[in-house]
Amino acid sequence: MKKLFYFLITLIMIAGVSAKDFSCYADSVDTYKPGLNNKGGSISPDRSDSGRALGIPEETDSLNFASLGFSGELILKFDSAILDKPGFDFKVVETSYGSPSCSAYPEKVHVYASFDKISWKDFGVKCLDSEFDLDGLDKAYYLKLVDATDPDHFSGTVDAYDVDGVIAYSCEKIPDNVPEFSAIGMVLAALGSLLLFVFKRK
């Protein structure tokens, strides 16, 4: 009886942990509206593959990014919600060859986050690689990146902010086929209480 009781208590504890925190990355592209380069031309196909902004950022100088183009927009979706934790919650990784400073190569992005793609939290404009704190937004499934680069700062042909990817430091995901605590935990809690009552009467 005692072993059964402790076994049920263990199951209750497992059932109560229906989600885990872990690092995650963008899973899909919701919207991609590339702008033009600073000469008024279209972004070349090898720089406008939005799928390159998904998954783990390579953080190298190789051609592994999606260019926004001037005033272009990219909305990324996360299957696992980005959580608001103390400190920074996610990092947008940009590719600029040679890892220049912002003053030398001021490619900028306006960043927004949303839980439902209806209401957006505005994080303002940042330059190159930048970290962000959800700061009051409990969780987010969508990030919107809008190019905010000034074309007058460049003499050669450039295609504005290049998105290598996004690193979310703390994410939440409900495991597949595992009921939440309200479904299984309540039942096990009731059984545990009953067994505890019986055990104490022995």
N, C-alpha and C. Protein backbone atom coordinates (compact mmCIF):
# COMPACT_ATOMS: atom_id res chain seq x y z
N MET A 1 0.83 -1.21 0.00
CA MET A 1 0.00 0.00 0.00
C MET A 1 0.86 1.25 0.00
N LYS A 2 1.92 1.24 0.86
CA LYS A 2 2.78 2.42 0.95
C LYS A 2 3.48 2.68 -0.38
N LYS A 3 3.96 1.62 -1.05
CA LYS A 3 4.64 1.79 -2.33
C LYS A 3 3.69 2.37 -3.38
N LEU A 4 2.46 1.89 -3.39
CA LEU A 4 1.48 2.40 -4.34
C LEU A 4 1.19 3.87 -4.09
N PHE A 5 1.12 4.23 -2.81
CA PHE A 5 0.85 5.62 -2.45
C PHE A 5 1.96 6.53 -2.98
N TYR A 6 3.22 6.16 -2.74
CA TYR A 6 4.33 7.00 -3.18
C TYR A 6 4.45 7.02 -4.70
N PHE A 7 4.06 5.92 -5.34
CA PHE A 7 4.07 5.88 -6.80
C PHE A 7 3.08 6.88 -7.37
N LEU A 8 1.89 6.95 -6.77
CA LEU A 8 0.88 7.90 -7.24
C LEU A 8 1.30 9.34 -6.98
N ILE A 9 1.94 9.58 -5.87
CA ILE A 9 2.44 10.93 -5.58
C ILE A 9 3.46 11.35 -6.64
N THR A 10 4.32 10.42 -7.04
CA THR A 10 5.31 10.71 -8.09
C THR A 10 4.63 11.05 -9.40
N LEU A 11 3.58 10.29 -9.75
CA LEU A 11 2.84 10.58 -10.98
C LEU A 11 2.20 11.95 -10.93
N ILE A 12 1.70 12.33 -9.78
CA ILE A 12 1.08 13.66 -9.63
C ILE A 12 2.12 14.74 -9.90
N MET A 13 3.32 14.57 -9.36
CA MET A 13 4.37 15.56 -9.56
C MET A 13 4.75 15.66 -11.02
N ILE A 14 4.83 14.52 -11.71
CA ILE A 14 5.15 14.52 -13.14
C ILE A 14 4.06 15.21 -13.93
N ALA A 15 2.80 14.91 -13.58
CA ALA A 15 1.67 15.51 -14.30
C ALA A 15 1.65 17.01 -14.13
N GLY A 16 2.09 17.48 -12.97
CA GLY A 16 2.10 18.92 -12.73
C GLY A 16 3.12 19.64 -13.56
N VAL A 17 4.15 18.94 -14.04
CA VAL A 17 5.16 19.57 -14.88
C VAL A 17 4.81 19.28 -16.33
N SER A 18 3.90 20.07 -16.89
CA SER A 18 3.42 19.83 -18.25
C SER A 18 4.18 20.64 -19.27
N ALA A 19 5.12 21.47 -18.84
CA ALA A 19 5.88 22.27 -19.78
C ALA A 19 7.31 22.45 -19.28
N LYS A 20 8.22 22.58 -20.20
CA LYS A 20 9.62 22.79 -19.87
C LYS A 20 10.11 24.08 -20.52
N ASP A 21 11.06 24.73 -19.87
CA ASP A 21 11.72 25.89 -20.45
C ASP A 21 12.98 25.42 -21.18
N PHE A 22 13.23 25.96 -22.37
CA PHE A 22 14.42 25.61 -23.13
C PHE A 22 14.64 26.67 -24.19
N SER A 23 15.84 26.72 -24.74
CA SER A 23 16.12 27.65 -25.83
C SER A 23 15.46 27.15 -27.11
N CYS A 24 15.00 28.08 -27.93
CA CYS A 24 14.38 27.67 -29.19
C CYS A 24 14.63 28.73 -30.25
N TYR A 25 14.18 28.42 -31.47
CA TYR A 25 14.45 29.26 -32.63
C TYR A 25 13.19 29.34 -33.48
N ALA A 26 13.15 30.28 -34.40
CA ALA A 26 11.97 30.46 -35.24
C ALA A 26 11.70 29.18 -36.04
N ASP A 27 10.43 28.79 -36.08
CA ASP A 27 10.05 27.54 -36.75
C ASP A 27 9.48 27.74 -38.15
N SER A 28 8.83 28.87 -38.39
CA SER A 28 8.23 29.09 -39.70
C SER A 28 8.15 30.58 -40.02
N VAL A 29 8.02 30.86 -41.31
CA VAL A 29 7.86 32.23 -41.78
C VAL A 29 6.39 32.51 -41.98
N ASP A 30 5.86 33.47 -41.25
CA ASP A 30 4.46 33.85 -41.41
C ASP A 30 4.29 34.83 -42.56
N THR A 31 5.15 35.82 -42.63
CA THR A 31 5.07 36.85 -43.67
C THR A 31 6.47 37.30 -44.06
N TYR A 32 6.68 37.47 -45.36
CA TYR A 32 7.95 38.02 -45.84
C TYR A 32 7.64 38.99 -46.97
N LYS A 33 7.94 40.26 -46.73
CA LYS A 33 7.71 41.30 -47.73
C LYS A 33 9.02 42.07 -47.92
N PRO A 34 9.91 41.54 -48.76
CA PRO A 34 11.20 42.20 -48.93
C PRO A 34 11.08 43.55 -49.62
N GLY A 35 11.87 44.50 -49.15
CA GLY A 35 11.93 45.79 -49.82
C GLY A 35 12.94 45.74 -50.96
N LEU A 36 13.37 46.90 -51.42
CA LEU A 36 14.35 46.99 -52.50
C LEU A 36 15.72 47.30 -51.93
N ASN A 37 16.76 47.18 -52.77
CA ASN A 37 18.07 47.62 -52.32
C ASN A 37 18.16 49.14 -52.44
N ASN A 38 19.27 49.71 -52.02
CA ASN A 38 19.38 51.17 -51.99
C ASN A 38 19.49 51.80 -53.37
N LYS A 39 19.61 50.98 -54.40
CA LYS A 39 19.64 51.48 -55.77
C LYS A 39 18.28 51.34 -56.44
N GLY A 40 17.30 50.82 -55.68
CA GLY A 40 15.96 50.66 -56.23
C GLY A 40 15.72 49.33 -56.92
N GLY A 41 16.67 48.42 -56.84
CA GLY A 41 16.52 47.12 -57.46
C GLY A 41 16.00 46.07 -56.50
N SER A 42 15.58 44.94 -57.06
CA SER A 42 15.07 43.83 -56.24
C SER A 42 16.21 43.12 -55.54
N ILE A 43 15.89 42.52 -54.40
CA ILE A 43 16.88 41.72 -53.68
C ILE A 43 17.14 40.44 -54.47
N SER A 44 18.40 40.08 -54.63
CA SER A 44 18.74 38.90 -55.42
C SER A 44 18.17 37.64 -54.76
N PRO A 45 17.82 36.63 -55.57
CA PRO A 45 17.21 35.40 -55.04
C PRO A 45 18.04 34.72 -53.95
N ASP A 46 19.37 34.77 -54.07
CA ASP A 46 20.19 34.08 -53.08
C ASP A 46 20.23 34.83 -51.74
N ARG A 47 19.65 36.03 -51.71
CA ARG A 47 19.58 36.79 -50.46
C ARG A 47 18.15 36.98 -49.97
N SER A 48 17.20 36.43 -50.69
CA SER A 48 15.79 36.63 -50.33
C SER A 48 15.06 35.32 -50.06
N ASP A 49 15.81 34.33 -49.59
CA ASP A 49 15.21 33.06 -49.16
C ASP A 49 14.87 33.20 -47.68
N SER A 50 13.60 33.46 -47.39
CA SER A 50 13.19 33.72 -46.00
C SER A 50 13.43 32.54 -45.07
N GLY A 51 13.49 31.34 -45.63
CA GLY A 51 13.73 30.15 -44.82
C GLY A 51 15.09 30.15 -44.14
N ARG A 52 15.99 30.98 -44.64
CA ARG A 52 17.32 31.05 -44.03
C ARG A 52 17.30 31.77 -42.68
N ALA A 53 16.19 32.41 -42.36
CA ALA A 53 16.07 33.06 -41.05
C ALA A 53 15.55 32.11 -39.98
N LEU A 54 15.26 30.86 -40.37
CA LEU A 54 14.71 29.88 -39.44
C LEU A 54 15.82 29.06 -38.79
N GLY A 55 15.48 28.43 -37.69
CA GLY A 55 16.41 27.54 -37.03
C GLY A 55 17.55 28.27 -36.34
N ILE A 56 18.59 27.52 -36.03
CA ILE A 56 19.73 28.06 -35.29
C ILE A 56 20.53 29.01 -36.17
N PRO A 57 20.77 30.23 -35.75
CA PRO A 57 21.60 31.16 -36.54
C PRO A 57 23.02 30.62 -36.69
N GLU A 58 23.57 30.72 -37.90
CA GLU A 58 24.93 30.23 -38.12
C GLU A 58 25.98 31.17 -37.52
N GLU A 59 25.65 32.46 -37.47
CA GLU A 59 26.56 33.47 -36.92
C GLU A 59 27.93 33.42 -37.60
N THR A 60 27.92 33.31 -38.93
CA THR A 60 29.14 33.34 -39.73
C THR A 60 28.94 34.34 -40.86
N ASP A 61 29.98 34.51 -41.69
CA ASP A 61 29.90 35.42 -42.82
C ASP A 61 29.39 34.74 -44.09
N SER A 62 28.96 33.49 -43.99
CA SER A 62 28.47 32.79 -45.17
C SER A 62 27.07 33.29 -45.55
N LEU A 63 26.64 32.92 -46.74
CA LEU A 63 25.34 33.38 -47.25
C LEU A 63 24.23 32.53 -46.62
N ASN A 64 23.87 32.89 -45.40
CA ASN A 64 22.92 32.07 -44.64
C ASN A 64 21.81 32.92 -44.04
N PHE A 65 21.48 34.02 -44.69
CA PHE A 65 20.55 35.00 -44.13
C PHE A 65 19.44 35.33 -45.12
N ALA A 66 18.43 36.03 -44.61
CA ALA A 66 17.36 36.58 -45.45
C ALA A 66 17.42 38.10 -45.34
N SER A 67 17.63 38.77 -46.46
CA SER A 67 17.70 40.23 -46.46
C SER A 67 16.29 40.82 -46.40
N LEU A 68 16.13 41.84 -45.58
CA LEU A 68 14.83 42.50 -45.50
C LEU A 68 14.62 43.47 -46.66
N GLY A 69 15.70 44.03 -47.19
CA GLY A 69 15.55 45.12 -48.14
C GLY A 69 15.09 46.36 -47.38
N PHE A 70 15.28 47.52 -47.97
CA PHE A 70 14.92 48.75 -47.26
C PHE A 70 13.41 48.83 -47.04
N SER A 71 13.04 48.97 -45.77
CA SER A 71 11.64 49.02 -45.31
C SER A 71 10.92 47.68 -45.46
N GLY A 72 11.67 46.61 -45.72
CA GLY A 72 11.06 45.29 -45.84
C GLY A 72 10.64 44.73 -44.48
N GLU A 73 9.84 43.67 -44.52
CA GLU A 73 9.26 43.12 -43.29
C GLU A 73 9.31 41.60 -43.29
N LEU A 74 9.57 41.04 -42.12
CA LEU A 74 9.58 39.59 -41.93
C LEU A 74 8.92 39.27 -40.60
N ILE A 75 7.91 38.39 -40.63
CA ILE A 75 7.27 37.92 -39.40
C ILE A 75 7.61 36.45 -39.21
N LEU A 76 8.24 36.14 -38.09
CA LEU A 76 8.63 34.77 -37.77
C LEU A 76 7.71 34.20 -36.70
N LYS A 77 7.38 32.91 -36.84
CA LYS A 77 6.51 32.25 -35.87
C LYS A 77 7.31 31.19 -35.11
N PHE A 78 7.04 31.12 -33.81
CA PHE A 78 7.65 30.12 -32.94
C PHE A 78 6.57 29.13 -32.49
N ASP A 79 6.83 27.84 -32.66
CA ASP A 79 5.89 26.83 -32.18
C ASP A 79 5.85 26.82 -30.65
N SER A 80 6.98 27.10 -30.04
CA SER A 80 7.08 27.19 -28.58
C SER A 80 7.13 28.66 -28.19
N ALA A 81 6.31 29.05 -27.25
CA ALA A 81 6.24 30.46 -26.87
C ALA A 81 7.54 30.93 -26.24
N ILE A 82 7.97 32.14 -26.63
CA ILE A 82 9.08 32.80 -25.97
C ILE A 82 8.56 33.35 -24.65
N LEU A 83 9.24 33.04 -23.55
CA LEU A 83 8.77 33.44 -22.23
C LEU A 83 9.48 34.69 -21.72
N ASP A 84 8.75 35.46 -20.94
CA ASP A 84 9.33 36.63 -20.29
C ASP A 84 10.00 36.19 -18.99
N LYS A 85 11.31 36.22 -18.97
CA LYS A 85 12.10 35.86 -17.79
C LYS A 85 12.96 37.06 -17.40
N PRO A 86 13.58 37.03 -16.23
CA PRO A 86 14.48 38.13 -15.86
C PRO A 86 15.61 38.29 -16.89
N GLY A 87 15.89 39.52 -17.27
CA GLY A 87 16.95 39.78 -18.25
C GLY A 87 16.44 39.68 -19.68
N PHE A 88 17.37 39.56 -20.61
CA PHE A 88 17.00 39.47 -22.03
C PHE A 88 16.31 38.14 -22.32
N ASP A 89 15.35 38.19 -23.25
CA ASP A 89 14.57 36.99 -23.59
C ASP A 89 14.86 36.45 -24.98
N PHE A 90 15.32 37.30 -25.89
CA PHE A 90 15.67 36.80 -27.23
C PHE A 90 16.69 37.72 -27.88
N LYS A 91 17.36 37.17 -28.88
CA LYS A 91 18.40 37.90 -29.60
C LYS A 91 18.16 37.77 -31.10
N VAL A 92 18.15 38.89 -31.80
CA VAL A 92 18.07 38.89 -33.26
C VAL A 92 19.50 38.96 -33.79
N VAL A 93 19.86 37.98 -34.62
CA VAL A 93 21.23 37.88 -35.13
C VAL A 93 21.26 38.37 -36.57
N GLU A 94 22.15 39.32 -36.85
CA GLU A 94 22.28 39.91 -38.18
C GLU A 94 23.61 39.50 -38.80
N THR A 95 23.64 39.40 -40.12
CA THR A 95 24.88 39.07 -40.81
C THR A 95 25.42 40.30 -41.53
N SER A 96 26.59 40.74 -41.13
CA SER A 96 27.34 41.78 -41.84
C SER A 96 28.78 41.30 -41.92
N TYR A 97 29.30 41.18 -43.11
CA TYR A 97 30.62 40.58 -43.31
C TYR A 97 31.71 41.34 -42.56
N GLY A 98 32.51 40.59 -41.82
CA GLY A 98 33.60 41.18 -41.07
C GLY A 98 33.22 41.67 -39.70
N SER A 99 31.97 41.45 -39.27
CA SER A 99 31.49 41.88 -37.95
C SER A 99 31.81 43.35 -37.66
N PRO A 100 31.31 44.25 -38.49
CA PRO A 100 31.61 45.68 -38.29
C PRO A 100 30.83 46.26 -37.12
N SER A 101 31.22 47.45 -36.71
CA SER A 101 30.47 48.16 -35.67
C SER A 101 29.25 48.81 -36.30
N CYS A 102 28.31 49.21 -35.46
CA CYS A 102 27.11 49.88 -35.97
C CYS A 102 27.45 51.21 -36.62
N SER A 103 28.42 51.92 -36.08
CA SER A 103 28.79 53.21 -36.67
C SER A 103 29.39 53.04 -38.06
N ALA A 104 30.08 51.92 -38.28
CA ALA A 104 30.69 51.66 -39.58
C ALA A 104 29.70 51.08 -40.57
N TYR A 105 28.73 50.32 -40.08
CA TYR A 105 27.77 49.65 -40.97
C TYR A 105 26.41 49.64 -40.28
N PRO A 106 25.69 50.76 -40.31
CA PRO A 106 24.46 50.92 -39.52
C PRO A 106 23.22 50.28 -40.13
N GLU A 107 23.22 48.96 -40.19
CA GLU A 107 22.01 48.26 -40.63
C GLU A 107 21.12 48.08 -39.40
N LYS A 108 19.89 48.56 -39.50
CA LYS A 108 19.01 48.63 -38.33
C LYS A 108 17.68 47.92 -38.58
N VAL A 109 17.06 47.50 -37.48
CA VAL A 109 15.78 46.78 -37.55
C VAL A 109 14.85 47.26 -36.45
N HIS A 110 13.58 47.38 -36.79
CA HIS A 110 12.53 47.73 -35.82
C HIS A 110 11.86 46.42 -35.43
N VAL A 111 11.85 46.12 -34.15
CA VAL A 111 11.41 44.80 -33.67
C VAL A 111 10.11 44.91 -32.88
N TYR A 112 9.19 43.97 -33.16
CA TYR A 112 7.92 43.86 -32.45
C TYR A 112 7.71 42.40 -32.05
N ALA A 113 6.95 42.18 -30.98
CA ALA A 113 6.60 40.83 -30.54
C ALA A 113 5.11 40.76 -30.24
N SER A 114 4.53 39.57 -30.45
CA SER A 114 3.09 39.42 -30.22
C SER A 114 2.76 38.00 -29.79
N PHE A 115 1.74 37.88 -28.97
CA PHE A 115 1.20 36.57 -28.59
C PHE A 115 0.26 36.05 -29.66
N ASP A 116 -0.54 36.94 -30.25
CA ASP A 116 -1.62 36.53 -31.15
C ASP A 116 -1.56 37.15 -32.55
N LYS A 117 -0.52 37.90 -32.85
CA LYS A 117 -0.36 38.59 -34.14
C LYS A 117 -1.42 39.66 -34.36
N ILE A 118 -2.06 40.08 -33.27
CA ILE A 118 -3.05 41.17 -33.32
C ILE A 118 -2.50 42.39 -32.58
N SER A 119 -2.15 42.18 -31.33
CA SER A 119 -1.53 43.25 -30.53
C SER A 119 -0.02 43.05 -30.53
N TRP A 120 0.71 44.11 -30.83
CA TRP A 120 2.16 44.03 -30.93
C TRP A 120 2.84 44.91 -29.89
N LYS A 121 3.86 44.39 -29.26
CA LYS A 121 4.70 45.18 -28.35
C LYS A 121 5.88 45.72 -29.15
N ASP A 122 6.10 47.01 -29.06
CA ASP A 122 7.14 47.69 -29.83
C ASP A 122 8.43 47.77 -29.02
N PHE A 123 9.51 47.24 -29.57
CA PHE A 123 10.81 47.27 -28.90
C PHE A 123 11.74 48.33 -29.47
N GLY A 124 11.26 49.10 -30.42
CA GLY A 124 12.08 50.16 -30.99
C GLY A 124 13.08 49.65 -32.01
N VAL A 125 14.00 50.52 -32.38
CA VAL A 125 14.98 50.24 -33.43
C VAL A 125 16.33 49.89 -32.81
N LYS A 126 16.92 48.81 -33.31
CA LYS A 126 18.24 48.38 -32.86
C LYS A 126 19.15 48.18 -34.07
N CYS A 127 20.45 48.10 -33.80
CA CYS A 127 21.44 47.97 -34.86
C CYS A 127 22.17 46.64 -34.78
N LEU A 128 22.34 46.00 -35.95
CA LEU A 128 23.07 44.73 -36.03
C LEU A 128 22.53 43.71 -35.02
N ASP A 129 23.41 42.87 -34.41
CA ASP A 129 22.95 41.89 -33.41
C ASP A 129 22.41 42.64 -32.19
N SER A 130 21.23 42.25 -31.72
CA SER A 130 20.65 42.95 -30.57
C SER A 130 19.81 42.00 -29.73
N GLU A 131 19.79 42.25 -28.41
CA GLU A 131 19.00 41.46 -27.47
C GLU A 131 17.81 42.27 -26.98
N PHE A 132 16.75 41.54 -26.61
CA PHE A 132 15.50 42.19 -26.22
C PHE A 132 14.89 41.50 -25.00
N ASP A 133 14.19 42.28 -24.20
CA ASP A 133 13.48 41.79 -23.02
C ASP A 133 11.98 41.96 -23.26
N LEU A 134 11.21 40.88 -23.17
CA LEU A 134 9.76 40.98 -23.38
C LEU A 134 9.13 41.96 -22.39
N ASP A 135 9.67 42.03 -21.19
CA ASP A 135 9.34 43.08 -20.22
C ASP A 135 7.85 43.35 -20.09
N GLY A 136 7.12 42.39 -19.52
CA GLY A 136 5.69 42.59 -19.29
C GLY A 136 4.80 41.82 -20.24
N LEU A 137 5.32 41.44 -21.40
CA LEU A 137 4.58 40.56 -22.30
C LEU A 137 4.91 39.14 -21.87
N ASP A 138 3.94 38.44 -21.29
CA ASP A 138 4.21 37.13 -20.67
C ASP A 138 4.85 36.14 -21.62
N LYS A 139 4.35 36.09 -22.84
CA LYS A 139 4.90 35.17 -23.83
C LYS A 139 4.59 35.69 -25.23
N ALA A 140 5.37 35.23 -26.19
CA ALA A 140 5.18 35.66 -27.58
C ALA A 140 5.42 34.48 -28.52
N TYR A 141 4.56 34.39 -29.52
CA TYR A 141 4.72 33.38 -30.57
C TYR A 141 5.20 33.99 -31.89
N TYR A 142 5.11 35.31 -32.00
CA TYR A 142 5.46 35.98 -33.25
C TYR A 142 6.46 37.11 -33.00
N LEU A 143 7.42 37.24 -33.90
CA LEU A 143 8.33 38.38 -33.92
C LEU A 143 8.25 39.03 -35.29
N LYS A 144 8.07 40.33 -35.30
CA LYS A 144 8.03 41.08 -36.56
C LYS A 144 9.28 41.94 -36.65
N LEU A 145 10.01 41.77 -37.75
CA LEU A 145 11.24 42.51 -37.99
C LEU A 145 11.05 43.41 -39.21
N VAL A 146 11.14 44.71 -39.01
CA VAL A 146 10.95 45.68 -40.08
C VAL A 146 12.24 46.47 -40.26
N ASP A 147 12.75 46.48 -41.49
CA ASP A 147 14.00 47.19 -41.72
C ASP A 147 13.86 48.68 -41.43
N ALA A 148 14.85 49.23 -40.75
CA ALA A 148 14.86 50.66 -40.41
C ALA A 148 16.19 51.31 -40.80
N THR A 149 16.84 50.73 -41.80
CA THR A 149 18.14 51.22 -42.25
C THR A 149 17.99 52.46 -43.12
N ASP A 150 18.86 53.42 -42.93
CA ASP A 150 18.86 54.64 -43.75
C ASP A 150 19.74 54.41 -44.97
N PRO A 151 19.17 54.38 -46.18
CA PRO A 151 19.97 54.10 -47.38
C PRO A 151 21.03 55.15 -47.67
N ASP A 152 20.87 56.36 -47.14
CA ASP A 152 21.84 57.43 -47.40
C ASP A 152 23.18 57.19 -46.72
N HIS A 153 23.23 56.21 -45.80
CA HIS A 153 24.47 55.92 -45.10
C HIS A 153 25.39 54.99 -45.87
N PHE A 154 24.97 54.56 -47.07
CA PHE A 154 25.75 53.58 -47.82
C PHE A 154 26.01 54.10 -49.24
N SER A 155 27.20 53.83 -49.73
CA SER A 155 27.56 54.26 -51.08
C SER A 155 27.42 53.13 -52.10
N GLY A 156 27.81 51.92 -51.71
CA GLY A 156 27.68 50.79 -52.62
C GLY A 156 26.27 50.24 -52.63
N THR A 157 26.08 49.14 -53.33
CA THR A 157 24.76 48.50 -53.39
C THR A 157 24.59 47.61 -52.16
N VAL A 158 23.59 47.91 -51.35
CA VAL A 158 23.32 47.13 -50.15
C VAL A 158 21.83 46.81 -50.08
N ASP A 159 21.49 45.75 -49.36
CA ASP A 159 20.10 45.31 -49.28
C ASP A 159 19.55 45.38 -47.87
N ALA A 160 20.14 46.27 -47.05
CA ALA A 160 19.63 46.56 -45.71
C ALA A 160 19.87 45.41 -44.73
N TYR A 161 19.00 45.30 -43.72
CA TYR A 161 19.21 44.38 -42.61
C TYR A 161 19.11 42.92 -43.06
N ASP A 162 20.11 42.12 -42.72
CA ASP A 162 20.16 40.71 -43.10
C ASP A 162 19.91 39.84 -41.87
N VAL A 163 18.82 39.11 -41.87
CA VAL A 163 18.42 38.30 -40.71
C VAL A 163 19.03 36.90 -40.79
N ASP A 164 19.96 36.63 -39.90
CA ASP A 164 20.54 35.29 -39.80
C ASP A 164 19.61 34.37 -39.02
N GLY A 165 18.94 34.91 -38.01
CA GLY A 165 18.00 34.12 -37.22
C GLY A 165 17.73 34.78 -35.88
N VAL A 166 16.95 34.09 -35.06
CA VAL A 166 16.59 34.59 -33.74
C VAL A 166 16.82 33.48 -32.71
N ILE A 167 17.47 33.84 -31.62
CA ILE A 167 17.67 32.91 -30.51
C ILE A 167 16.74 33.33 -29.37
N ALA A 168 15.81 32.47 -29.00
CA ALA A 168 14.95 32.72 -27.84
C ALA A 168 15.53 31.96 -26.66
N TYR A 169 15.84 32.66 -25.59
CA TYR A 169 16.58 32.05 -24.49
C TYR A 169 15.74 31.13 -23.61
N SER A 170 14.44 31.40 -23.51
CA SER A 170 13.58 30.58 -22.65
C SER A 170 12.23 30.41 -23.32
N CYS A 171 11.91 29.17 -23.67
CA CYS A 171 10.67 28.88 -24.40
C CYS A 171 9.85 27.83 -23.65
N GLU A 172 8.59 27.78 -23.98
CA GLU A 172 7.68 26.85 -23.32
C GLU A 172 6.98 26.00 -24.38
N LYS A 173 6.90 24.71 -24.10
CA LYS A 173 6.18 23.84 -25.02
C LYS A 173 5.48 22.75 -24.24
N ILE A 174 4.20 22.55 -24.52
CA ILE A 174 3.45 21.45 -23.92
C ILE A 174 3.81 20.18 -24.68
N PRO A 175 4.36 19.16 -24.02
CA PRO A 175 4.72 17.93 -24.73
C PRO A 175 3.52 17.31 -25.44
N ASP A 176 3.77 16.75 -26.62
CA ASP A 176 2.71 16.12 -27.39
C ASP A 176 2.11 14.94 -26.63
N ASN A 177 0.79 14.82 -26.69
CA ASN A 177 0.05 13.69 -26.12
C ASN A 177 0.17 13.57 -24.61
N VAL A 178 0.56 14.64 -23.93
CA VAL A 178 0.61 14.62 -22.46
C VAL A 178 -0.43 15.59 -21.94
N PRO A 179 -1.51 15.11 -21.30
CA PRO A 179 -2.53 16.02 -20.79
C PRO A 179 -1.94 16.97 -19.76
N GLU A 180 -2.51 18.16 -19.65
CA GLU A 180 -2.06 19.10 -18.65
C GLU A 180 -2.55 18.66 -17.27
N PHE A 181 -2.05 19.33 -16.24
CA PHE A 181 -2.36 18.95 -14.86
C PHE A 181 -3.85 18.89 -14.62
N SER A 182 -4.61 19.79 -15.24
CA SER A 182 -6.05 19.83 -15.00
C SER A 182 -6.75 18.56 -15.45
N ALA A 183 -6.16 17.85 -16.43
CA ALA A 183 -6.79 16.65 -16.95
C ALA A 183 -6.41 15.40 -16.17
N ILE A 184 -5.13 15.20 -15.94
CA ILE A 184 -4.69 13.97 -15.29
C ILE A 184 -4.29 14.20 -13.83
N GLY A 185 -3.74 15.36 -13.55
CA GLY A 185 -3.29 15.63 -12.19
C GLY A 185 -4.42 15.64 -11.19
N MET A 186 -5.58 16.17 -11.59
CA MET A 186 -6.72 16.22 -10.68
C MET A 186 -7.19 14.82 -10.31
N VAL A 187 -7.20 13.92 -11.31
CA VAL A 187 -7.62 12.55 -11.05
C VAL A 187 -6.64 11.86 -10.11
N LEU A 188 -5.34 12.01 -10.41
CA LEU A 188 -4.33 11.38 -9.56
C LEU A 188 -4.32 11.98 -8.16
N ALA A 189 -4.56 13.28 -8.07
CA ALA A 189 -4.60 13.92 -6.76
C ALA A 189 -5.74 13.36 -5.92
N ALA A 190 -6.89 13.13 -6.56
CA ALA A 190 -8.03 12.57 -5.85
C ALA A 190 -7.73 11.15 -5.38
N LEU A 191 -7.10 10.35 -6.26
CA LEU A 191 -6.74 8.99 -5.87
C LEU A 191 -5.72 9.00 -4.74
N GLY A 192 -4.75 9.93 -4.84
CA GLY A 192 -3.74 10.02 -3.80
C GLY A 192 -4.34 10.39 -2.46
N SER A 193 -5.29 11.31 -2.48
CA SER A 193 -5.95 11.71 -1.23
C SER A 193 -6.72 10.55 -0.62
N LEU A 194 -7.38 9.79 -1.47
CA LEU A 194 -8.13 8.63 -0.99
C LEU A 194 -7.21 7.60 -0.37
N LEU A 195 -6.09 7.32 -1.05
CA LEU A 195 -5.15 6.34 -0.53
C LEU A 195 -4.50 6.83 0.76
N LEU A 196 -4.24 8.13 0.84
CA LEU A 196 -3.67 8.68 2.06
C LEU A 196 -4.62 8.50 3.23
N PHE A 197 -5.91 8.69 2.96
CA PHE A 197 -6.92 8.51 4.00
C PHE A 197 -6.95 7.06 4.46
N VAL A 198 -6.92 6.13 3.48
CA VAL A 198 -6.95 4.71 3.81
C VAL A 198 -5.67 4.31 4.55
N PHE A 199 -4.53 4.84 4.07
CA PHE A 199 -3.24 4.49 4.67
C PHE A 199 -3.17 4.93 6.14
N LYS A 200 -3.69 6.10 6.43
CA LYS A 200 -3.65 6.61 7.80
C LYS A 200 -4.55 5.83 8.73
N ARG A 201 -5.57 5.16 8.18
CA ARG A 201 -6.49 4.39 9.01
C ARG A 201 -5.95 3.01 9.33
N LYS A 202 -4.87 2.63 8.62
CA LYS A 202 -4.31 1.29 8.84
C LYS A 202 -3.58 1.22 10.18
